Amino acid sequence: LSVLLQVGFFPSECVELINDKIPQSVTNSVPKPVSKKHGKLITFLRTFMKSRPTKQKLKQRGILKERVFGCDLGEHLLNSGHDVPQVLKSCTEFIEKHGIVDGIYRLSGIASNIQKLRHEFDSEQIPDLTKDIYIQDIHCVGSLCKLYFRELPNPLLTYQLYEKFSDAVSAATDEERLVKIHDVIQQLPPPHYR
């Protein structure tokens, strides 16, 4: 405080030191002993915290569900036991069968259909994409794929390799570009590479 006064941040007449005004009883007070009632509560809380089931057990019992969207790719695959996310597998199979049309990834689907699909995948359900609602709005499936990639905390091509990918696509010739991009792709972490 004296440093601040010297430097001139506060005019001295606006500042009052309170050290001398604190009652002696407050500065010399000893913490009160924990009452029996509170002691029992603390013991109960400690026991409760130690006996909590693990994340894995909660998942096995179906109590804890992992998110799909906005979850780290490696973590999601580890929890789900899949090589690639189910949402991408389902969507790409649908697109290969029904979505080979102009602008499948360029045109947007109906927002309510995209949100409905997202909710189902986030609830660990595999929606029936052959329903009329999706067949008539095939762009919502392409939009869902883009949404999944957009919400990854670490992008598919990763922040770590961003500069290398940027350099690779800036290569002078097509042949050189292909070699460089191939080289960087080999450096992706396995979940991202798959």
C-alpha atoms as a PDB file:
ATOM      1  CA  LEU A   1       0.000   0.000   0.000  1.00  0.00           C
ATOM      2  CA  SER A   2       2.840   2.404   0.857  1.00  0.00           C
ATOM      3  CA  VAL A   3       4.363   1.694  -2.592  1.00  0.00           C
ATOM      4  CA  LEU A   4       1.052   2.608  -4.254  1.00  0.00           C
ATOM      5  CA  LEU A   5       0.872   5.838  -2.229  1.00  0.00           C
ATOM      6  CA  GLN A   6       4.425   6.775  -3.191  1.00  0.00           C
ATOM      7  CA  VAL A   7       3.828   6.084  -6.878  1.00  0.00           C
ATOM      8  CA  GLY A   8       0.682   8.181  -6.716  1.00  0.00           C
ATOM      9  CA  PHE A   9      -2.080   5.734  -7.610  1.00  0.00           C
ATOM     10  CA  PHE A  10      -4.192   6.839  -4.634  1.00  0.00           C
ATOM     11  CA  PRO A  11      -4.237  10.295  -3.019  1.00  0.00           C
ATOM     12  CA  SER A  12      -3.129   9.713   0.582  1.00  0.00           C
ATOM     13  CA  GLU A  13      -6.159  11.521   2.005  1.00  0.00           C
ATOM     14  CA  CYS A  14      -8.449   8.919   0.353  1.00  0.00           C
ATOM     15  CA  VAL A  15      -6.695   5.949   1.936  1.00  0.00           C
ATOM     16  CA  GLU A  16      -7.077   4.898   5.552  1.00  0.00           C
ATOM     17  CA  LEU A  17      -4.990   2.119   7.043  1.00  0.00           C
ATOM     18  CA  ILE A  18      -7.143  -0.308   9.017  1.00  0.00           C
ATOM     19  CA  ASN A  19      -4.413  -2.378  10.722  1.00  0.00           C
ATOM     20  CA  ASP A  20      -4.844  -0.525  14.015  1.00  0.00           C
ATOM     21  CA  LYS A  21      -8.643  -0.699  13.911  1.00  0.00           C
ATOM     22  CA  ILE A  22      -8.932  -4.541  13.813  1.00  0.00           C
ATOM     23  CA  PRO A  23     -10.050  -5.726  17.267  1.00  0.00           C
ATOM     24  CA  GLN A  24      -7.469  -7.740  19.195  1.00  0.00           C
ATOM     25  CA  SER A  25     -10.019 -10.531  19.689  1.00  0.00           C
ATOM     26  CA  VAL A  26     -10.182 -11.114  15.894  1.00  0.00           C
ATOM     27  CA  THR A  27      -6.421 -11.231  15.302  1.00  0.00           C
ATOM     28  CA  ASN A  28      -5.772 -13.502  18.299  1.00  0.00           C
ATOM     29  CA  SER A  29      -8.763 -15.801  17.795  1.00  0.00           C
ATOM     30  CA  VAL A  30      -8.118 -19.545  17.683  1.00  0.00           C
ATOM     31  CA  PRO A  31     -10.229 -21.633  15.255  1.00  0.00           C
ATOM     32  CA  LYS A  32     -13.148 -23.266  17.048  1.00  0.00           C
ATOM     33  CA  PRO A  33     -12.957 -27.039  17.453  1.00  0.00           C
ATOM     34  CA  VAL A  34     -15.208 -29.029  15.125  1.00  0.00           C
ATOM     35  CA  SER A  35     -18.414 -30.032  16.901  1.00  0.00           C
ATOM     36  CA  LYS A  36     -19.409 -33.700  17.155  1.00  0.00           C
ATOM     37  CA  LYS A  37     -22.197 -33.137  14.647  1.00  0.00           C
ATOM     38  CA  HIS A  38     -19.843 -31.524  12.116  1.00  0.00           C
ATOM     39  CA  GLY A  39     -17.192 -34.176  12.795  1.00  0.00           C
ATOM     40  CA  LYS A  40     -19.691 -36.884  11.816  1.00  0.00           C
ATOM     41  CA  LEU A  41     -20.619 -34.961   8.676  1.00  0.00           C
ATOM     42  CA  ILE A  42     -16.948 -34.620   7.648  1.00  0.00           C
ATOM     43  CA  THR A  43     -16.377 -38.352   8.246  1.00  0.00           C
ATOM     44  CA  PHE A  44     -19.483 -39.183   6.172  1.00  0.00           C
ATOM     45  CA  LEU A  45     -18.320 -36.929   3.312  1.00  0.00           C
ATOM     46  CA  ARG A  46     -14.841 -38.490   3.316  1.00  0.00           C
ATOM     47  CA  THR A  47     -16.334 -42.008   3.246  1.00  0.00           C
ATOM     48  CA  PHE A  48     -18.754 -40.972   0.484  1.00  0.00           C
ATOM     49  CA  MET A  49     -15.956 -39.495  -1.659  1.00  0.00           C
ATOM     50  CA  LYS A  50     -13.783 -42.607  -1.252  1.00  0.00           C
ATOM     51  CA  SER A  51     -16.616 -45.005  -2.135  1.00  0.00           C
ATOM     52  CA  ARG A  52     -17.681 -43.197  -5.321  1.00  0.00           C
ATOM     53  CA  PRO A  53     -17.839 -45.562  -8.341  1.00  0.00           C
ATOM     54  CA  THR A  54     -15.313 -45.004 -11.137  1.00  0.00           C
ATOM     55  CA  LYS A  55     -16.228 -43.353 -14.411  1.00  0.00           C
ATOM     56  CA  GLN A  56     -15.890 -46.739 -16.148  1.00  0.00           C
ATOM     57  CA  LYS A  57     -18.378 -48.421 -13.748  1.00  0.00           C
ATOM     58  CA  LEU A  58     -20.880 -45.593 -14.243  1.00  0.00           C
ATOM     59  CA  LYS A  59     -20.607 -46.071 -18.015  1.00  0.00           C
ATOM     60  CA  GLN A  60     -21.094 -49.847 -17.711  1.00  0.00           C
ATOM     61  CA  ARG A  61     -24.272 -49.292 -15.661  1.00  0.00           C
ATOM     62  CA  GLY A  62     -25.555 -46.825 -18.259  1.00  0.00           C
ATOM     63  CA  ILE A  63     -25.646 -43.969 -15.718  1.00  0.00           C
ATOM     64  CA  LEU A  64     -22.929 -41.882 -17.369  1.00  0.00           C
ATOM     65  CA  LYS A  65     -23.132 -41.176 -21.082  1.00  0.00           C
ATOM     66  CA  GLU A  66     -20.275 -39.586 -22.989  1.00  0.00           C
ATOM     67  CA  ARG A  67     -20.955 -36.778 -25.408  1.00  0.00           C
ATOM     68  CA  VAL A  68     -20.241 -37.363 -29.092  1.00  0.00           C
ATOM     69  CA  PHE A  69     -20.153 -33.796 -30.423  1.00  0.00           C
ATOM     70  CA  GLY A  70     -17.523 -31.443 -28.989  1.00  0.00           C
ATOM     71  CA  CYS A  71     -15.594 -34.329 -27.412  1.00  0.00           C
ATOM     72  CA  ASP A  72     -11.898 -34.962 -28.118  1.00  0.00           C
ATOM     73  CA  LEU A  73     -11.627 -37.517 -30.947  1.00  0.00           C
ATOM     74  CA  GLY A  74      -9.093 -39.796 -29.218  1.00  0.00           C
ATOM     75  CA  GLU A  75     -10.994 -39.699 -25.924  1.00  0.00           C
ATOM     76  CA  HIS A  76     -14.329 -40.415 -27.634  1.00  0.00           C
ATOM     77  CA  LEU A  77     -12.923 -43.426 -29.517  1.00  0.00           C
ATOM     78  CA  LEU A  78     -11.285 -44.762 -26.367  1.00  0.00           C
ATOM     79  CA  ASN A  79     -14.605 -44.546 -24.482  1.00  0.00           C
ATOM     80  CA  SER A  80     -16.714 -45.964 -27.313  1.00  0.00           C
ATOM     81  CA  GLY A  81     -14.270 -48.694 -28.349  1.00  0.00           C
ATOM     82  CA  HIS A  82     -14.641 -47.783 -32.057  1.00  0.00           C
ATOM     83  CA  ASP A  83     -11.924 -47.136 -34.660  1.00  0.00           C
ATOM     84  CA  VAL A  84     -13.877 -44.228 -36.165  1.00  0.00           C
ATOM     85  CA  PRO A  85     -16.840 -42.356 -34.640  1.00  0.00           C
ATOM     86  CA  GLN A  86     -20.201 -44.079 -35.235  1.00  0.00           C
ATOM     87  CA  VAL A  87     -21.718 -40.763 -36.327  1.00  0.00           C
ATOM     88  CA  LEU A  88     -19.242 -40.520 -39.235  1.00  0.00           C
ATOM     89  CA  LYS A  89     -19.601 -44.201 -40.149  1.00  0.00           C
ATOM     90  CA  SER A  90     -23.423 -43.974 -40.309  1.00  0.00           C
ATOM     91  CA  CYS A  91     -23.432 -40.663 -42.181  1.00  0.00           C
ATOM     92  CA  THR A  92     -20.829 -41.621 -44.784  1.00  0.00           C
ATOM     93  CA  GLU A  93     -22.556 -44.951 -45.507  1.00  0.00           C
ATOM     94  CA  PHE A  94     -25.836 -43.048 -45.998  1.00  0.00           C
ATOM     95  CA  ILE A  95     -24.180 -40.453 -48.256  1.00  0.00           C
ATOM     96  CA  GLU A  96     -22.484 -43.117 -50.404  1.00  0.00           C
ATOM     97  CA  LYS A  97     -25.855 -44.830 -50.869  1.00  0.00           C
ATOM     98  CA  HIS A  98     -28.244 -41.852 -51.214  1.00  0.00           C
ATOM     99  CA  GLY A  99     -26.283 -38.615 -51.303  1.00  0.00           C
ATOM    100  CA  ILE A 100     -24.222 -38.639 -54.471  1.00  0.00           C
ATOM    101  CA  VAL A 101     -25.855 -35.422 -55.643  1.00  0.00           C
ATOM    102  CA  ASP A 102     -24.541 -32.003 -56.553  1.00  0.00           C
ATOM    103  CA  GLY A 103     -23.591 -29.974 -53.482  1.00  0.00           C
ATOM    104  CA  ILE A 104     -24.012 -32.690 -50.835  1.00  0.00           C
ATOM    105  CA  TYR A 105     -21.474 -30.974 -48.549  1.00  0.00           C
ATOM    106  CA  ARG A 106     -22.052 -27.465 -49.907  1.00  0.00           C
ATOM    107  CA  LEU A 107     -25.800 -27.063 -49.339  1.00  0.00           C
ATOM    108  CA  SER A 108     -27.164 -26.991 -45.794  1.00  0.00           C
ATOM    109  CA  GLY A 109     -29.878 -29.261 -44.475  1.00  0.00           C
ATOM    110  CA  ILE A 110     -32.898 -28.193 -42.413  1.00  0.00           C
ATOM    111  CA  ALA A 111     -31.653 -27.047 -38.981  1.00  0.00           C
ATOM    112  CA  SER A 112     -34.318 -28.969 -37.005  1.00  0.00           C
ATOM    113  CA  ASN A 113     -33.370 -32.237 -38.775  1.00  0.00           C
ATOM    114  CA  ILE A 114     -29.662 -31.649 -38.077  1.00  0.00           C
ATOM    115  CA  GLN A 115     -30.382 -30.990 -34.373  1.00  0.00           C
ATOM    116  CA  LYS A 116     -32.615 -34.076 -34.150  1.00  0.00           C
ATOM    117  CA  LEU A 117     -29.836 -36.261 -35.582  1.00  0.00           C
ATOM    118  CA  ARG A 118     -27.249 -34.664 -33.331  1.00  0.00           C
ATOM    119  CA  HIS A 119     -29.373 -35.321 -30.242  1.00  0.00           C
ATOM    120  CA  GLU A 120     -29.831 -38.988 -31.185  1.00  0.00           C
ATOM    121  CA  PHE A 121     -26.100 -39.568 -31.698  1.00  0.00           C
ATOM    122  CA  ASP A 122     -25.303 -37.671 -28.471  1.00  0.00           C
ATOM    123  CA  SER A 123     -27.771 -39.993 -26.677  1.00  0.00           C
ATOM    124  CA  GLU A 124     -25.716 -42.974 -27.945  1.00  0.00           C
ATOM    125  CA  GLN A 125     -28.493 -44.047 -30.312  1.00  0.00           C
ATOM    126  CA  ILE A 126     -27.970 -44.873 -33.980  1.00  0.00           C
ATOM    127  CA  PRO A 127     -30.801 -43.108 -35.813  1.00  0.00           C
ATOM    128  CA  ASP A 128     -32.534 -44.717 -38.774  1.00  0.00           C
ATOM    129  CA  LEU A 129     -31.308 -42.521 -41.608  1.00  0.00           C
ATOM    130  CA  THR A 130     -33.600 -44.263 -44.106  1.00  0.00           C
ATOM    131  CA  LYS A 131     -36.651 -42.487 -42.629  1.00  0.00           C
ATOM    132  CA  ASP A 132     -38.474 -40.270 -45.133  1.00  0.00           C
ATOM    133  CA  ILE A 133     -37.587 -37.155 -43.136  1.00  0.00           C
ATOM    134  CA  TYR A 134     -33.860 -37.750 -43.856  1.00  0.00           C
ATOM    135  CA  ILE A 135     -34.220 -39.208 -47.363  1.00  0.00           C
ATOM    136  CA  GLN A 136     -36.133 -36.046 -48.341  1.00  0.00           C
ATOM    137  CA  ASP A 137     -33.449 -33.858 -46.708  1.00  0.00           C
ATOM    138  CA  ILE A 138     -30.215 -35.692 -47.485  1.00  0.00           C
ATOM    139  CA  HIS A 139     -28.260 -32.457 -46.988  1.00  0.00           C
ATOM    140  CA  CYS A 140     -28.931 -32.626 -43.224  1.00  0.00           C
ATOM    141  CA  VAL A 141     -26.667 -35.717 -43.076  1.00  0.00           C
ATOM    142  CA  GLY A 142     -23.811 -33.933 -44.862  1.00  0.00           C
ATOM    143  CA  SER A 143     -24.362 -30.932 -42.581  1.00  0.00           C
ATOM    144  CA  LEU A 144     -24.166 -33.193 -39.513  1.00  0.00           C
ATOM    145  CA  CYS A 145     -20.747 -34.493 -40.658  1.00  0.00           C
ATOM    146  CA  LYS A 146     -19.487 -30.944 -41.060  1.00  0.00           C
ATOM    147  CA  LEU A 147     -20.903 -30.036 -37.635  1.00  0.00           C
ATOM    148  CA  TYR A 148     -19.078 -32.975 -36.033  1.00  0.00           C
ATOM    149  CA  PHE A 149     -15.720 -31.905 -37.503  1.00  0.00           C
ATOM    150  CA  ARG A 150     -16.333 -28.230 -36.710  1.00  0.00           C
ATOM    151  CA  GLU A 151     -16.961 -28.976 -33.016  1.00  0.00           C
ATOM    152  CA  LEU A 152     -13.853 -31.127 -32.431  1.00  0.00           C
ATOM    153  CA  PRO A 153     -11.772 -29.398 -29.710  1.00  0.00           C
ATOM    154  CA  ASN A 154      -8.603 -30.310 -31.634  1.00  0.00           C
ATOM    155  CA  PRO A 155      -9.346 -30.211 -35.403  1.00  0.00           C
ATOM    156  CA  LEU A 156      -9.079 -33.358 -37.524  1.00  0.00           C
ATOM    157  CA  LEU A 157      -5.759 -32.187 -39.000  1.00  0.00           C
ATOM    158  CA  THR A 158      -4.679 -31.002 -35.487  1.00  0.00           C
ATOM    159  CA  TYR A 159      -3.340 -27.657 -34.311  1.00  0.00           C
ATOM    160  CA  GLN A 160       0.126 -29.217 -33.962  1.00  0.00           C
ATOM    161  CA  LEU A 161       0.410 -30.003 -37.698  1.00  0.00           C
ATOM    162  CA  TYR A 162      -1.313 -26.851 -38.979  1.00  0.00           C
ATOM    163  CA  GLU A 163       1.911 -25.171 -40.156  1.00  0.00           C
ATOM    164  CA  LYS A 164       3.110 -28.342 -41.895  1.00  0.00           C
ATOM    165  CA  PHE A 165      -0.197 -28.755 -43.748  1.00  0.00           C
ATOM    166  CA  SER A 166      -0.106 -25.077 -44.683  1.00  0.00           C
ATOM    167  CA  ASP A 167       3.425 -25.456 -46.102  1.00  0.00           C
ATOM    168  CA  ALA A 168       2.448 -28.666 -47.930  1.00  0.00           C
ATOM    169  CA  VAL A 169      -0.489 -27.125 -49.810  1.00  0.00           C
ATOM    170  CA  SER A 170       1.700 -24.153 -50.762  1.00  0.00           C
ATOM    171  CA  ALA A 171       4.209 -26.345 -52.660  1.00  0.00           C
ATOM    172  CA  ALA A 172       5.031 -25.192 -56.188  1.00  0.00           C
ATOM    173  CA  THR A 173       3.953 -28.222 -58.255  1.00  0.00           C
ATOM    174  CA  ASP A 174       1.110 -30.734 -57.946  1.00  0.00           C
ATOM    175  CA  GLU A 175       3.586 -33.588 -57.586  1.00  0.00           C
ATOM    176  CA  GLU A 176       5.548 -31.866 -54.815  1.00  0.00           C
ATOM    177  CA  ARG A 177       2.282 -30.898 -53.074  1.00  0.00           C
ATOM    178  CA  LEU A 178       1.089 -34.524 -53.147  1.00  0.00           C
ATOM    179  CA  VAL A 179       4.340 -35.843 -51.649  1.00  0.00           C
ATOM    180  CA  LYS A 180       4.360 -33.212 -48.880  1.00  0.00           C
ATOM    181  CA  ILE A 181       0.692 -33.688 -47.963  1.00  0.00           C
ATOM    182  CA  HIS A 182       1.182 -37.472 -47.877  1.00  0.00           C
ATOM    183  CA  ASP A 183       4.181 -36.984 -45.570  1.00  0.00           C
ATOM    184  CA  VAL A 184       2.224 -34.784 -43.130  1.00  0.00           C
ATOM    185  CA  ILE A 185      -0.778 -37.152 -43.106  1.00  0.00           C
ATOM    186  CA  GLN A 186       1.558 -39.918 -41.891  1.00  0.00           C
ATOM    187  CA  GLN A 187       2.335 -37.760 -38.840  1.00  0.00           C
ATOM    188  CA  LEU A 188      -1.293 -37.540 -37.672  1.00  0.00           C
ATOM    189  CA  PRO A 189      -2.162 -39.261 -34.370  1.00  0.00           C
ATOM    190  CA  PRO A 190      -3.789 -42.688 -35.082  1.00  0.00           C
ATOM    191  CA  PRO A 191      -7.410 -41.637 -34.268  1.00  0.00           C
ATOM    192  CA  HIS A 192      -7.090 -38.627 -36.597  1.00  0.00           C
ATOM    193  CA  TYR A 193      -5.293 -40.644 -39.288  1.00  0.00           C
ATOM    194  CA  ARG A 194      -8.010 -43.329 -39.330  1.00  0.00           C
END
